PDB file of N, CA and C in Angstrom:
ATOM      1  N   UNK A   1       5.594  -9.213   7.824  1.00  0.00           N
ATOM      2  CA  UNK A   1       5.991 -10.019   6.642  1.00  0.00           C
ATOM      3  C   UNK A   1       5.974  -9.146   5.379  1.00  0.00           C
ATOM      4  N   UNK A   2       6.464  -9.687   4.305  1.00  0.00           N
ATOM      5  CA  UNK A   2       6.499  -8.938   3.040  1.00  0.00           C
ATOM      6  C   UNK A   2       5.084  -8.590   2.590  1.00  0.00           C
ATOM      7  N   UNK A   3       4.136  -9.505   2.832  1.00  0.00           N
ATOM      8  CA  UNK A   3       2.750  -9.261   2.401  1.00  0.00           C
ATOM      9  C   UNK A   3       2.210  -7.984   3.054  1.00  0.00           C
ATOM     10  N   UNK A   4       2.483  -7.823   4.344  1.00  0.00           N
ATOM     11  CA  UNK A   4       2.009  -6.619   5.044  1.00  0.00           C
ATOM     12  C   UNK A   4       2.616  -5.378   4.410  1.00  0.00           C
ATOM     13  N   UNK A   5       3.891  -5.469   4.022  1.00  0.00           N
ATOM     14  CA  UNK A   5       4.559  -4.325   3.392  1.00  0.00           C
ATOM     15  C   UNK A   5       3.862  -3.967   2.088  1.00  0.00           C
ATOM     16  N   UNK A   6       3.525  -4.990   1.301  1.00  0.00           N
ATOM     17  CA  UNK A   6       2.844  -4.758   0.020  1.00  0.00           C
ATOM     18  C   UNK A   6       1.487  -4.103   0.263  1.00  0.00           C
ATOM     19  N   UNK A   7       0.772  -4.570   1.279  1.00  0.00           N
ATOM     20  CA  UNK A   7      -0.541  -3.994   1.589  1.00  0.00           C
ATOM     21  C   UNK A   7      -0.392  -2.520   1.932  1.00  0.00           C
ATOM     22  N   UNK A   8       0.599  -2.193   2.751  1.00  0.00           N
ATOM     23  CA  UNK A   8       0.817  -0.787   3.122  1.00  0.00           C
ATOM     24  C   UNK A   8       1.148   0.032   1.885  1.00  0.00           C
ATOM     25  N   UNK A   9       2.016  -0.482   1.029  1.00  0.00           N
ATOM     26  CA  UNK A   9       2.377   0.236  -0.193  1.00  0.00           C
ATOM     27  C   UNK A   9       1.149   0.421  -1.080  1.00  0.00           C
ATOM     28  N   UNK A  10       0.293  -0.616  -1.156  1.00  0.00           N
ATOM     29  CA  UNK A  10      -0.918  -0.533  -1.982  1.00  0.00           C
ATOM     30  C   UNK A  10      -1.827   0.571  -1.459  1.00  0.00           C
ATOM     31  N   UNK A  11      -1.977   0.650  -0.135  1.00  0.00           N
ATOM     32  CA  UNK A  11      -2.836   1.691   0.449  1.00  0.00           C
ATOM     33  C   UNK A  11      -2.269   3.063   0.123  1.00  0.00           C
ATOM     34  N   UNK A  12      -0.957   3.215   0.223  1.00  0.00           N
ATOM     35  CA  UNK A  12      -0.328   4.501  -0.083  1.00  0.00           C
ATOM     36  C   UNK A  12      -0.591   4.856  -1.548  1.00  0.00           C
ATOM     37  N   UNK A  13      -0.520   3.874  -2.432  1.00  0.00           N
ATOM     38  CA  UNK A  13      -0.762   4.113  -3.856  1.00  0.00           C
ATOM     39  C   UNK A  13      -2.196   4.574  -4.071  1.00  0.00           C
ATOM     40  N   UNK A  14      -3.148   3.859  -3.426  1.00  0.00           N
ATOM     41  CA  UNK A  14      -4.567   4.192  -3.596  1.00  0.00           C
ATOM     42  C   UNK A  14      -4.830   5.605  -3.081  1.00  0.00           C
ATOM     43  N   UNK A  15      -4.386   5.908  -1.859  1.00  0.00           N
ATOM     44  CA  UNK A  15      -4.617   7.245  -1.296  1.00  0.00           C
ATOM     45  C   UNK A  15      -3.874   8.291  -2.114  1.00  0.00           C
ATOM     46  N   UNK A  16      -2.740   7.906  -2.668  1.00  0.00           N
ATOM     47  CA  UNK A  16      -1.971   8.846  -3.496  1.00  0.00           C
ATOM     48  C   UNK A  16      -2.734   9.196  -4.765  1.00  0.00           C
ATOM     49  N   UNK A  17      -3.408   8.197  -5.338  1.00  0.00           N
ATOM     50  CA  UNK A  17      -4.198   8.441  -6.553  1.00  0.00           C
ATOM     51  C   UNK A  17      -5.388   9.336  -6.225  1.00  0.00           C
ATOM     52  N   UNK A  18      -5.954   9.151  -5.035  1.00  0.00           N
ATOM     53  CA  UNK A  18      -7.108   9.969  -4.646  1.00  0.00           C
ATOM     54  C   UNK A  18      -6.644  11.400  -4.414  1.00  0.00           C
TER      55      UNK A  18
END
């Protein structure tokens, strides 16, 4: 679902910031 996509994108953003 779209929610899962957002979660994946959020994780990528967080790891990207780290």
